[in-house]
């Protein structure tokens, strides 16, 4: 269901149909509802315009609230900061209850047995109490609330999603202690995987100082010689899905017009400047503004680490039953992707870790899957694809976030028994080559579980006891995906694995806050009839009718794909999206 096409500005309603393949059904519904309401953040007649935004990351293991404030900089002649607005994260808080747990099929949703709104909303109320303590009371009524769910909710039927969001909205707004009275039902929705990837890329580029709060490319603000001055791509890994987003045509960068002051650093535009409408000023035409048009973006819904683990376990059991490669009567099956001696029960069998790194790599290559191509790394290869989705050759630098960082940082720590590979990875971190990562895999995977790895709880800051047994599989999978799936060259140092940049976490909600701010600024300065939403530009046709038929067709396809892949999605205990 993933797509490699890129969202672009819509100028004709006839272009909406191909756009639909990039959006989740709830993102579409959110935009449709937004077309009939004010696009600015909610406010009452007495409310003061709020500089804050509350954005929820509704992940597969829980909901995480983030508070962002957009702060106007004073034009101090002595100040070196020429950015007119800063985006500051004021706080984050988490509820460890997946919203998808409240979903249930339409057949179970009856008038006599509806979802209990108070029950659905209860786990979120402490997060809103936390936000109310941080945001000044005069802004409570006008602060926008945006709940955007990711992979966990994408797996539910659209009717299940609707019922959950309806119940959440009703339960929150009926609660006397709930102070954010401007919250709108249409701002509670499911985010498409492609937009999640795009927002992640915006966050990465903003924290690197490459773009400002209005998405203008301003050049890198860091001392790392390995990081470029032009926009970087992003890699994100969770329990249910993984995303990649990057500027595929890095070869087409152009220098943009600059003032006559030669001391001013020349900025680079990732591609040729976008065609600007007649309302654009001459000053804005000289700026490169980052857009989803610039990126190749795709999301793989069943390629998170938990889904891959369950697919491996299912494959081991199935092949044992169909072949003579194991003793099915003993109910014991070797598992090459677990430390030696670690055991887990699955489908009536006991999987016993053998710590066979080479065999684990072969299993991961089968599960990605990717074309069986003999790679000549001295030549460009155009056949790259993962899971049947083709993508352009990798270009430029990347930031890898979430489980890419947590798991591969644990590889850095737990590969210590192979001193040579461990020391090389340690010295290269956080920008190791793929080859250095791969060389360290056996130092982790070949370790004994009893008396060794089982005692490593707490040694790595980002590894909980529950996920410690799976770090071998996760590391092998990610390195294999990067090399054989995406096509990162073995000796390249194009990826920086990161959790924090200058104390701020790299995650997609920051990118969404930036995109919303940029849209609001653009809307304020433009008299265009296009309705700007939090996800894409949505147009109303000449008769005022929205394209309900296209939405219906899209939702049917979503349900078909989900039904066809359900056996890949459930049965795993998901680690937190952001840690650990």
Protein backbone atom coordinates (compact mmCIF):
# COMPACT_ATOMS: atom_id res chain seq x y z
CA UNK A 1 0.00 0.00 0.00
CA UNK A 2 3.09 2.18 0.19
CA UNK A 3 3.83 4.52 -2.63
CA UNK A 4 6.89 6.32 -3.85
CA UNK A 5 5.06 9.18 -5.47
CA UNK A 6 5.22 12.55 -3.84
CA UNK A 7 2.44 14.83 -2.63
CA UNK A 8 2.19 18.06 -4.55
CA UNK A 9 0.08 21.19 -4.49
CA UNK A 10 -3.33 20.58 -6.04
CA UNK A 11 -4.70 23.08 -8.54
CA UNK A 12 -7.43 21.00 -10.15
CA UNK A 13 -9.90 18.60 -8.53
CA UNK A 14 -9.25 16.01 -11.22
CA UNK A 15 -5.80 15.46 -9.70
CA UNK A 16 -7.17 14.25 -6.37
CA UNK A 17 -7.62 10.61 -7.38
CA UNK A 18 -3.92 9.75 -7.83
CA UNK A 19 -3.19 11.66 -4.66
CA UNK A 20 -5.35 9.32 -2.61
CA UNK A 21 -2.87 6.46 -2.67
CA UNK A 22 -0.58 8.53 -0.45
CA UNK A 23 -3.09 9.27 2.29
CA UNK A 24 -4.71 7.29 5.03
CA UNK A 25 -8.49 7.30 4.96
CA UNK A 26 -8.64 9.36 8.13
CA UNK A 27 -6.25 11.98 6.77
CA UNK A 28 -8.65 12.38 3.82
CA UNK A 29 -11.66 12.61 6.11
CA UNK A 30 -9.87 15.16 8.25
CA UNK A 31 -9.22 17.33 5.20
CA UNK A 32 -12.82 16.96 4.03
CA UNK A 33 -14.14 18.13 7.37
CA UNK A 34 -11.65 20.98 7.47
CA UNK A 35 -13.02 22.32 4.18
CA UNK A 36 -16.21 23.40 5.92
CA UNK A 37 -14.61 24.94 8.99
CA UNK A 38 -12.08 27.62 9.86
CA UNK A 39 -8.55 26.55 9.06
CA UNK A 40 -6.93 28.61 11.77
CA UNK A 41 -6.49 27.17 15.22
CA UNK A 42 -9.70 27.14 17.25
CA UNK A 43 -10.65 30.10 19.33
CA UNK A 44 -13.62 31.52 21.10
CA UNK A 45 -14.80 35.10 20.92
CA UNK A 46 -12.83 35.98 24.05
CA UNK A 47 -9.81 33.75 23.42
CA UNK A 48 -6.35 35.15 22.83
CA UNK A 49 -4.53 33.73 19.83
CA UNK A 50 -2.27 30.99 21.09
CA UNK A 51 1.39 30.56 20.13
CA UNK A 52 1.18 26.93 21.31
CA UNK A 53 0.33 23.71 19.52
CA UNK A 54 -0.39 20.36 21.15
CA UNK A 55 0.35 17.39 18.89
CA UNK A 56 -0.21 13.77 19.86
CA UNK A 57 1.78 10.91 18.41
CA UNK A 58 -0.76 8.07 18.64
CA UNK A 59 1.64 5.15 18.33
CA UNK A 60 1.15 1.41 18.46
CA UNK A 61 2.13 1.23 22.13
CA UNK A 62 0.69 4.46 23.50
CA UNK A 63 -0.02 8.15 23.02
CA UNK A 64 2.66 10.78 23.41
CA UNK A 65 1.74 14.45 23.86
CA UNK A 66 4.13 17.18 22.68
CA UNK A 67 3.79 20.90 23.39
CA UNK A 68 5.37 23.36 20.95
CA UNK A 69 5.53 27.14 21.23
CA UNK A 70 6.35 29.49 18.37
CA UNK A 71 8.24 32.43 19.86
CA UNK A 72 8.79 35.72 18.06
CA UNK A 73 12.41 36.88 18.21
CA UNK A 74 13.03 40.50 19.11
CA UNK A 75 15.00 42.34 16.42
CA UNK A 76 17.99 43.18 18.52
CA UNK A 77 20.78 44.76 16.48
CA UNK A 78 23.34 42.94 18.63
CA UNK A 79 21.64 39.58 18.20
CA UNK A 80 23.25 37.02 15.91
CA UNK A 81 19.93 35.18 15.52
CA UNK A 82 18.21 36.38 12.36
CA UNK A 83 15.39 33.81 12.56
CA UNK A 84 12.10 35.73 13.04
CA UNK A 85 10.35 32.87 14.85
CA UNK A 86 11.68 30.04 16.98
CA UNK A 87 9.92 26.71 17.60
CA UNK A 88 10.48 25.55 21.18
CA UNK A 89 9.40 22.22 22.65
CA UNK A 90 7.89 23.02 26.04
CA UNK A 91 7.22 19.51 27.22
CA UNK A 92 6.24 15.93 26.43
CA UNK A 93 4.25 13.32 28.31
CA UNK A 94 3.15 9.75 27.57
CA UNK A 95 0.23 7.41 28.25
CA UNK A 96 1.16 3.75 27.76
CA UNK A 97 -2.22 2.72 26.37
CA UNK A 98 -2.53 2.22 22.58
CA UNK A 99 -5.57 4.00 21.20
CA UNK A 100 -6.06 1.09 18.81
CA UNK A 101 -6.94 -1.09 21.83
CA UNK A 102 -10.33 0.64 21.93
CA UNK A 103 -11.21 -0.28 18.35
CA UNK A 104 -13.73 -2.98 17.55
CA UNK A 105 -15.54 -4.11 14.40
CA UNK A 106 -18.69 -2.35 13.23
CA UNK A 107 -20.73 -5.50 14.00
CA UNK A 108 -19.91 -5.03 17.68
CA UNK A 109 -20.77 -1.33 17.69
CA UNK A 110 -24.50 -1.26 18.43
CA UNK A 111 -26.78 1.36 19.91
CA UNK A 112 -27.08 -0.74 23.04
CA UNK A 113 -23.33 -1.38 23.23
CA UNK A 114 -21.45 1.73 22.02
CA UNK A 115 -17.92 2.66 22.96
CA UNK A 116 -17.83 4.35 26.36
CA UNK A 117 -16.49 7.89 25.70
CA UNK A 118 -15.38 8.33 29.31
CA UNK A 119 -13.44 5.07 29.15
CA UNK A 120 -11.70 5.99 25.88
CA UNK A 121 -10.77 9.49 27.07
CA UNK A 122 -9.72 8.62 30.62
CA UNK A 123 -6.14 7.61 29.83
CA UNK A 124 -5.51 10.93 28.03
CA UNK A 125 -6.81 13.26 30.75
CA UNK A 126 -3.58 13.23 32.80
CA UNK A 127 -1.70 14.33 29.68
CA UNK A 128 -4.03 17.28 29.22
CA UNK A 129 -3.64 18.18 32.92
CA UNK A 130 0.11 18.19 32.30
CA UNK A 131 -0.34 20.48 29.28
CA UNK A 132 -2.65 22.82 31.22
CA UNK A 133 0.08 23.35 33.81
CA UNK A 134 2.58 24.36 31.11
CA UNK A 135 0.40 26.48 28.80
CA UNK A 136 -0.81 29.76 30.37
CA UNK A 137 -4.54 29.77 31.09
CA UNK A 138 -5.27 32.66 28.70
CA UNK A 139 -4.30 30.35 25.81
CA UNK A 140 -6.24 27.25 26.84
CA UNK A 141 -9.30 27.99 24.72
CA UNK A 142 -7.34 28.84 21.57
CA UNK A 143 -4.60 26.23 21.61
CA UNK A 144 -5.04 23.72 18.80
CA UNK A 145 -5.12 20.01 19.69
CA UNK A 146 -4.02 17.60 16.97
CA UNK A 147 -4.16 13.87 17.62
CA UNK A 148 -2.48 12.01 14.76
CA UNK A 149 -2.35 8.23 15.05
CA UNK A 150 0.17 6.10 13.20
CA UNK A 151 0.64 2.42 12.35
CA UNK A 152 -1.51 0.91 15.14
CA UNK A 153 -4.65 2.75 14.07
CA UNK A 154 -3.88 2.29 10.35
CA UNK A 155 -4.50 -1.42 10.88
CA UNK A 156 -8.13 -0.83 11.96
CA UNK A 157 -11.13 -0.58 9.65
CA UNK A 158 -12.14 3.04 8.88
CA UNK A 159 -15.41 2.53 10.79
CA UNK A 160 -13.44 1.40 13.85
CA UNK A 161 -11.20 4.44 13.60
CA UNK A 162 -14.20 6.77 13.32
CA UNK A 163 -15.86 5.26 16.36
CA UNK A 164 -12.71 5.59 18.48
CA UNK A 165 -12.10 9.22 17.50
CA UNK A 166 -15.76 10.09 18.06
CA UNK A 167 -15.66 8.54 21.52
CA UNK A 168 -12.38 10.26 22.36
CA UNK A 169 -13.72 13.65 21.33
CA UNK A 170 -16.99 13.18 23.22
CA UNK A 171 -15.28 11.89 26.33
CA UNK A 172 -12.77 14.75 26.48
CA UNK A 173 -15.17 17.60 25.74
CA UNK A 174 -17.70 16.35 28.30
CA UNK A 175 -15.13 16.20 31.06
CA UNK A 176 -15.41 19.22 33.38
CA UNK A 177 -11.66 19.40 33.98
CA UNK A 178 -10.87 19.58 30.24
CA UNK A 179 -9.81 23.17 29.55
CA UNK A 180 -8.81 23.04 25.86
CA UNK A 181 -12.30 23.89 24.67
CA UNK A 182 -11.25 24.82 21.12
CA UNK A 183 -10.38 21.25 20.19
CA UNK A 184 -12.05 20.16 16.93
CA UNK A 185 -13.21 16.66 16.02
CA UNK A 186 -11.64 16.86 12.53
CA UNK A 187 -8.19 17.29 14.08
CA UNK A 188 -8.34 13.78 15.54
CA UNK A 189 -7.28 11.50 12.69
CA UNK A 190 -4.91 8.84 11.37
CA UNK A 191 -1.77 10.09 9.69
CA UNK A 192 -0.59 8.46 6.46
CA UNK A 193 2.79 6.77 6.59
CA UNK A 194 4.10 9.01 3.82
CA UNK A 195 3.25 12.17 5.75
CA UNK A 196 4.76 10.70 8.91
CA UNK A 197 7.98 10.22 6.95
CA UNK A 198 7.83 13.75 5.49
CA UNK A 199 7.29 15.33 8.90
CA UNK A 200 10.22 13.32 10.24
CA UNK A 201 12.41 14.77 7.51
CA UNK A 202 11.28 18.32 8.36
CA UNK A 203 12.14 17.74 12.03
CA UNK A 204 15.59 16.41 11.11
CA UNK A 205 16.36 19.36 8.85
CA UNK A 206 15.06 21.92 11.33
CA UNK A 207 17.14 20.57 14.21
CA UNK A 208 20.21 20.58 11.94
CA UNK A 209 19.58 24.27 11.26
CA UNK A 210 19.04 23.58 7.55
CA UNK A 211 15.49 25.01 7.44
CA UNK A 212 13.72 27.63 9.54
CA UNK A 213 10.25 27.60 11.09
CA UNK A 214 8.69 28.52 7.73
CA UNK A 215 10.59 25.69 5.96
CA UNK A 216 12.96 28.00 4.10
CA UNK A 217 16.36 26.45 3.38
CA UNK A 218 18.90 28.52 5.28
CA UNK A 219 21.96 26.20 5.39
CA UNK A 220 23.34 23.97 8.12
CA UNK A 221 23.93 25.33 11.61
CA UNK A 222 26.35 22.72 12.91
CA UNK A 223 30.04 22.00 13.18
CA UNK A 224 29.84 18.42 11.91
CA UNK A 225 31.80 18.25 8.68
CA UNK A 226 29.97 15.06 7.73
CA UNK A 227 26.61 16.82 7.60
CA UNK A 228 25.81 18.90 4.47
CA UNK A 229 24.37 22.36 4.03
CA UNK A 230 21.45 21.08 1.97
CA UNK A 231 18.43 19.10 3.23
CA UNK A 232 18.94 15.63 4.67
CA UNK A 233 16.75 12.55 4.42
CA UNK A 234 15.23 10.67 7.35
CA UNK A 235 14.94 7.02 8.38
CA UNK A 236 12.36 6.04 10.99
CA UNK A 237 11.72 2.60 12.50
CA UNK A 238 8.93 1.52 14.82
CA UNK A 239 7.29 -1.68 15.94
CA UNK A 240 4.70 -1.84 13.14
CA UNK A 241 6.14 0.22 10.30
CA UNK A 242 9.25 1.86 8.92
CA UNK A 243 9.63 5.00 6.79
CA UNK A 244 12.23 6.43 4.43
CA UNK A 245 12.17 9.92 2.94
CA UNK A 246 14.86 11.74 0.99
CA UNK A 247 15.53 14.13 -1.86
CA UNK A 248 16.12 11.76 -4.74
CA UNK A 249 17.45 14.33 -7.23
CA UNK A 250 20.34 15.74 -5.24
CA UNK A 251 22.26 16.17 -8.49
CA UNK A 252 19.91 18.97 -9.52
CA UNK A 253 20.74 21.43 -6.72
CA UNK A 254 21.00 25.02 -7.74
CA UNK A 255 22.50 28.03 -6.04
CA UNK A 256 19.82 30.56 -5.21
CA UNK A 257 20.12 34.33 -5.63
CA UNK A 258 21.84 35.93 -2.68
CA UNK A 259 22.35 39.48 -1.54
CA UNK A 260 25.46 41.37 -2.50
CA UNK A 261 26.97 40.81 0.92
CA UNK A 262 29.67 38.25 0.08
CA UNK A 263 30.00 37.32 3.74
CA UNK A 264 26.53 35.84 3.67
CA UNK A 265 26.63 32.09 3.23
CA UNK A 266 25.15 30.91 -0.06
CA UNK A 267 22.18 28.63 0.50
CA UNK A 268 21.34 25.64 -1.65
CA UNK A 269 17.94 24.67 -2.96
CA UNK A 270 17.32 20.91 -3.09
CA UNK A 271 15.72 21.19 -6.54
CA UNK A 272 14.73 23.94 -8.90
CA UNK A 273 12.52 26.48 -7.10
CA UNK A 274 8.83 25.69 -7.05
CA UNK A 275 6.66 27.67 -9.45
CA UNK A 276 5.14 30.42 -7.35
CA UNK A 277 1.72 31.93 -7.84
CA UNK A 278 1.05 35.54 -8.73
CA UNK A 279 0.58 36.49 -5.07
CA UNK A 280 4.18 35.61 -4.21
CA UNK A 281 6.49 38.52 -3.49
CA UNK A 282 9.82 38.98 -5.21
CA UNK A 283 11.56 38.37 -1.89
CA UNK A 284 9.89 34.98 -1.44
CA UNK A 285 10.79 33.97 -5.00
CA UNK A 286 14.46 34.20 -4.01
CA UNK A 287 14.00 31.67 -1.21
CA UNK A 288 13.88 27.94 -1.45
CA UNK A 289 11.01 26.65 0.65
CA UNK A 290 11.12 22.95 1.45
CA UNK A 291 8.01 21.08 0.37
CA UNK A 292 6.79 17.50 0.17
CA UNK A 293 7.25 17.97 -3.60
CA UNK A 294 11.00 17.76 -3.06
CA UNK A 295 10.98 14.34 -1.42
CA UNK A 296 10.63 10.72 -2.31
CA UNK A 297 8.66 9.25 0.59
CA UNK A 298 7.32 5.81 1.36
CA UNK A 299 6.16 3.84 4.37
CA UNK A 300 6.18 0.07 4.88
CA UNK A 301 3.32 -0.82 7.22
CA UNK A 302 4.36 -4.41 7.98
CA UNK A 303 8.11 -3.76 8.17
CA UNK A 304 8.52 -2.61 11.77
CA UNK A 305 10.76 -4.73 13.98
CA UNK A 306 7.89 -6.54 15.73
CA UNK A 307 6.23 -7.52 12.45
CA UNK A 308 9.53 -8.82 11.08
CA UNK A 309 10.12 -10.82 14.24
CA UNK A 310 6.71 -12.45 14.06
CA UNK A 311 7.16 -13.20 10.35
CA UNK A 312 10.50 -14.87 11.08
CA UNK A 313 9.01 -17.00 13.85
CA UNK A 314 6.07 -17.97 11.62
CA UNK A 315 8.48 -18.87 8.81
CA UNK A 316 10.65 -21.04 11.05
CA UNK A 317 7.63 -23.01 12.25
CA UNK A 318 6.12 -23.37 8.77
CA UNK A 319 9.36 -24.57 7.18
CA UNK A 320 9.96 -27.02 10.00
CA UNK A 321 6.56 -28.59 9.35
CA UNK A 322 7.05 -28.72 5.57
CA UNK A 323 10.60 -30.04 5.44
CA UNK A 324 13.05 -32.37 7.09
CA UNK A 325 15.33 -29.60 8.29
CA UNK A 326 14.22 -29.90 11.91
CA UNK A 327 12.73 -32.41 14.32
CA UNK A 328 9.08 -31.40 14.43
CA UNK A 329 8.30 -34.16 16.91
CA UNK A 330 10.51 -32.56 19.56
CA UNK A 331 8.78 -29.22 19.10
CA UNK A 332 12.20 -27.49 19.22
CA UNK A 333 13.37 -25.29 16.31
CA UNK A 334 16.72 -23.48 15.97
CA UNK A 335 16.36 -19.68 15.79
CA UNK A 336 19.45 -18.09 14.18
CA UNK A 337 18.40 -14.57 15.14
CA UNK A 338 18.49 -15.00 18.93
CA UNK A 339 21.37 -15.36 21.34
CA UNK A 340 22.56 -18.90 21.99
CA UNK A 341 20.23 -20.72 24.36
CA UNK A 342 17.46 -18.10 24.49
CA UNK A 343 14.09 -19.84 24.15
CA UNK A 344 10.59 -18.62 23.35
CA UNK A 345 7.36 -20.49 22.74
CA UNK A 346 5.54 -19.81 19.47
CA UNK A 347 2.66 -21.68 17.82
CA UNK A 348 3.18 -24.76 19.95
CA UNK A 349 6.94 -24.92 19.30
CA UNK A 350 9.96 -23.77 21.30
CA UNK A 351 12.37 -21.61 19.31
CA UNK A 352 15.94 -22.03 20.62
CA UNK A 353 18.51 -19.34 19.85
CA UNK A 354 21.56 -20.50 17.91
CA UNK A 355 23.20 -17.09 17.41
CA UNK A 356 24.06 -17.87 13.78
CA UNK A 357 24.64 -14.40 12.36
CA UNK A 358 25.17 -15.43 8.73
CA UNK A 359 22.01 -17.56 8.71
CA UNK A 360 20.08 -14.71 10.36
CA UNK A 361 21.21 -12.35 7.58
CA UNK A 362 19.95 -14.83 4.97
CA UNK A 363 16.59 -15.04 6.72
CA UNK A 364 16.30 -11.23 6.80
CA UNK A 365 17.14 -11.02 3.10
CA UNK A 366 14.24 -13.38 2.41
CA UNK A 367 11.81 -11.44 4.58
CA UNK A 368 12.46 -7.95 3.24
CA UNK A 369 12.16 -9.10 0.28
CA UNK A 370 14.29 -7.52 -2.41
CA UNK A 371 15.40 -8.52 -5.92
CA UNK A 372 18.08 -11.20 -6.04
CA UNK A 373 20.74 -8.95 -7.53
CA UNK A 374 24.51 -9.39 -7.41
CA UNK A 375 25.60 -5.93 -6.31
CA UNK A 376 28.60 -4.31 -7.95
CA UNK A 377 29.18 -1.45 -5.55
CA UNK A 378 31.46 0.30 -8.05
CA UNK A 379 28.49 0.95 -10.32
CA UNK A 380 25.15 2.68 -9.88
CA UNK A 381 22.22 0.28 -9.46
CA UNK A 382 18.72 1.25 -10.49
CA UNK A 383 16.77 -1.85 -9.35
CA UNK A 384 16.41 -1.01 -5.65
CA UNK A 385 13.12 -1.99 -4.08
CA UNK A 386 11.71 -3.25 -0.80
CA UNK A 387 8.54 -5.29 -0.57
CA UNK A 388 7.75 -4.64 -4.23
CA UNK A 389 8.03 -0.83 -3.90
CA UNK A 390 10.72 0.60 -6.16
CA UNK A 391 12.64 3.64 -5.04
CA UNK A 392 15.26 5.89 -6.65
CA UNK A 393 18.94 5.33 -5.81
CA UNK A 394 19.92 6.69 -2.41
CA UNK A 395 21.24 10.26 -2.51
CA UNK A 396 22.60 12.59 0.14
CA UNK A 397 22.89 12.35 3.92
CA UNK A 398 20.35 10.90 6.38
CA UNK A 399 19.38 11.09 10.02
CA UNK A 400 18.15 7.78 11.47
CA UNK A 401 15.80 8.08 14.44
CA UNK A 402 13.62 6.07 16.83
CA UNK A 403 14.47 2.35 16.89
CA UNK A 404 17.21 2.83 14.30
CA UNK A 405 19.06 4.67 17.03
CA UNK A 406 17.97 2.62 20.05
CA UNK A 407 18.71 -0.80 18.52
CA UNK A 408 21.93 0.01 16.67
CA UNK A 409 23.26 1.99 19.61
CA UNK A 410 22.76 -1.21 21.62
CA UNK A 411 24.79 -3.04 18.94
CA UNK A 412 27.59 -0.59 19.65
CA UNK A 413 27.48 -1.54 23.34
CA UNK A 414 26.69 -5.27 23.21
CA UNK A 415 29.19 -6.18 20.44
CA UNK A 416 32.05 -5.83 22.92
CA UNK A 417 33.13 -9.53 22.79
CA UNK A 418 34.40 -8.92 19.23
CA UNK A 419 36.94 -6.33 20.32
CA UNK A 420 38.12 -5.29 16.85
CA UNK A 421 34.63 -4.76 15.39
CA UNK A 422 33.37 -3.19 18.62
CA UNK A 423 36.22 -0.67 18.80
CA UNK A 424 35.78 0.29 15.14
CA UNK A 425 32.05 0.87 15.61
CA UNK A 426 32.65 2.79 18.83
CA UNK A 427 35.14 5.09 17.12
CA UNK A 428 32.86 5.74 14.15
CA UNK A 429 29.62 6.27 16.10
CA UNK A 430 27.21 8.04 15.46
CA UNK A 431 28.14 7.95 11.74
CA UNK A 432 29.39 4.42 11.14
CA UNK A 433 29.62 2.78 7.75
CA UNK A 434 27.26 -0.06 6.89
CA UNK A 435 30.31 -2.32 6.81
CA UNK A 436 31.28 -1.37 10.38
CA UNK A 437 27.75 -2.10 11.55
CA UNK A 438 27.68 -5.46 9.79
CA UNK A 439 31.08 -6.48 11.17
CA UNK A 440 29.81 -5.90 14.72
CA UNK A 441 26.69 -8.09 14.37
CA UNK A 442 28.37 -11.36 15.32
CA UNK A 443 29.82 -9.82 18.49
CA UNK A 444 26.24 -9.37 19.70
CA UNK A 445 24.40 -12.31 18.16
CA UNK A 446 26.92 -15.05 19.04
CA UNK A 447 26.79 -14.28 22.77
CA UNK A 448 25.32 -16.85 25.13
CA UNK A 449 22.00 -15.95 26.73
CA UNK A 450 22.36 -17.75 30.07
CA UNK A 451 25.04 -16.22 32.20
CA UNK A 452 25.83 -13.49 29.71
CA UNK A 453 23.21 -11.49 27.79
CA UNK A 454 20.50 -12.14 30.37
CA UNK A 455 22.69 -10.22 32.83
CA UNK A 456 22.99 -7.15 30.58
CA UNK A 457 19.74 -5.52 31.74
CA UNK A 458 20.42 -1.85 32.47
CA UNK A 459 23.83 -1.84 30.75
CA UNK A 460 22.42 0.02 27.73
CA UNK A 461 20.34 3.07 28.63
CA UNK A 462 17.80 2.51 25.85
CA UNK A 463 17.23 -1.23 26.23
CA UNK A 464 14.54 -2.52 28.57
CA UNK A 465 14.46 -6.08 29.87
CA UNK A 466 11.55 -6.96 27.55
CA UNK A 467 13.41 -6.07 24.35
CA UNK A 468 16.90 -7.25 25.33
CA UNK A 469 16.39 -10.74 23.77
CA UNK A 470 15.42 -9.17 20.42
CA UNK A 471 18.37 -6.81 19.89
CA UNK A 472 20.23 -9.35 17.72
CA UNK A 473 17.31 -9.76 15.31
CA UNK A 474 16.59 -6.02 15.23
CA UNK A 475 20.22 -5.12 14.48
CA UNK A 476 20.60 -7.74 11.75
CA UNK A 477 17.30 -6.69 10.17
CA UNK A 478 18.13 -2.98 10.11
CA UNK A 479 21.63 -3.41 8.71
CA UNK A 480 20.31 -5.80 6.04
CA UNK A 481 17.47 -3.44 5.15
CA UNK A 482 19.84 -0.48 4.82
CA UNK A 483 22.35 -2.37 2.67
CA UNK A 484 20.38 -4.87 0.60
CA UNK A 485 16.98 -3.17 0.64
CA UNK A 486 17.63 0.56 0.38
CA UNK A 487 21.08 0.30 -1.22
CA UNK A 488 23.39 2.21 1.13
CA UNK A 489 26.93 1.42 0.05
CA UNK A 490 28.95 -0.69 2.50
CA UNK A 491 31.70 1.89 3.03
CA UNK A 492 29.45 4.97 2.99
CA UNK A 493 28.99 7.16 6.05
CA UNK A 494 25.78 8.75 4.88
CA UNK A 495 23.70 7.99 8.00
CA UNK A 496 23.91 9.70 11.38
CA UNK A 497 22.08 7.76 14.09
CA UNK A 498 20.59 10.18 16.57
CA UNK A 499 18.09 10.59 19.38
CA UNK A 500 18.74 14.18 20.45
CA UNK A 501 20.12 17.24 18.66
CA UNK A 502 21.04 20.04 21.05
CA UNK A 503 18.78 18.44 23.65
CA UNK A 504 15.72 18.15 21.38
CA UNK A 505 14.34 14.81 20.24
CA UNK A 506 14.20 14.04 16.53
CA UNK A 507 10.62 12.88 15.89
CA UNK A 508 7.86 13.64 13.41
CA UNK A 509 5.48 15.74 15.55
CA UNK A 510 8.01 18.58 15.50
CA UNK A 511 7.95 18.45 11.70
CA UNK A 512 4.16 18.57 11.69
CA UNK A 513 4.20 21.64 13.95
CA UNK A 514 6.61 23.35 11.54
CA UNK A 515 4.50 22.46 8.49
CA UNK A 516 1.37 23.82 10.16
CA UNK A 517 3.15 27.04 11.09
CA UNK A 518 4.44 27.47 7.53
CA UNK A 519 0.95 26.85 6.11
CA UNK A 520 -0.56 29.41 8.46
CA UNK A 521 2.05 32.01 7.51
CA UNK A 522 1.53 31.34 3.82
CA UNK A 523 -2.24 31.50 4.20
CA UNK A 524 -2.02 34.80 6.04
CA UNK A 525 -0.05 36.37 3.19
CA UNK A 526 -2.10 34.85 0.36
CA UNK A 527 -5.66 35.32 -0.84
CA UNK A 528 -5.68 31.89 -2.57
CA UNK A 529 -8.94 29.92 -2.43
CA UNK A 530 -7.08 26.73 -1.53
CA UNK A 531 -8.01 25.41 1.90
CA UNK A 532 -4.85 24.56 3.81
CA UNK A 533 -5.04 21.67 6.28
CA UNK A 534 -2.50 20.00 8.49
CA UNK A 535 -1.71 17.39 5.84
CA UNK A 536 -2.18 18.68 2.29
CA UNK A 537 -3.76 21.33 0.10
CA UNK A 538 -7.36 20.31 -0.51
CA UNK A 539 -9.46 22.01 -3.17
CA UNK A 540 -13.21 22.26 -3.61
CA UNK A 541 -14.45 21.85 -7.19
CA UNK A 542 -16.57 24.38 -9.01
CA UNK A 543 -19.86 22.92 -7.79
CA UNK A 544 -18.69 22.81 -4.19
CA UNK A 545 -18.81 19.01 -4.05
CA UNK A 546 -16.03 17.08 -2.38
CA UNK A 547 -15.01 13.83 -4.02
CA UNK A 548 -16.81 11.35 -1.78
CA UNK A 549 -16.72 8.58 -4.40
CA UNK A 550 -12.91 8.62 -4.56
CA UNK A 551 -12.79 8.49 -0.77
CA UNK A 552 -15.14 5.49 -0.74
CA UNK A 553 -13.02 3.63 -3.31
CA UNK A 554 -9.87 4.41 -1.38
CA UNK A 555 -11.35 3.16 1.89
CA UNK A 556 -12.42 -0.09 0.21
CA UNK A 557 -8.87 -0.63 -1.01
CA UNK A 558 -7.53 0.12 2.48
CA UNK A 559 -9.81 -2.53 3.98
CA UNK A 560 -8.81 -5.09 1.34
CA UNK A 561 -5.10 -4.55 1.93
CA UNK A 562 -5.49 -4.70 5.71
CA UNK A 563 -7.52 -7.91 5.50
CA UNK A 564 -4.96 -9.52 3.19
CA UNK A 565 -2.08 -8.74 5.52
CA UNK A 566 -3.63 -9.18 8.95
CA UNK A 567 -1.53 -12.24 9.76
CA UNK A 568 1.59 -10.06 9.66
CA UNK A 569 0.27 -7.41 12.01
CA UNK A 570 -0.84 -8.90 15.30
CA UNK A 571 0.46 -11.07 18.12
CA UNK A 572 3.60 -9.15 19.11
CA UNK A 573 4.33 -7.11 22.21
CA UNK A 574 5.31 -3.77 20.72
CA UNK A 575 8.18 -1.75 22.19
CA UNK A 576 7.60 1.98 22.62
CA UNK A 577 7.82 3.96 19.40
CA UNK A 578 10.46 6.34 20.75
CA UNK A 579 12.19 4.15 23.29
CA UNK A 580 13.61 1.52 23.75
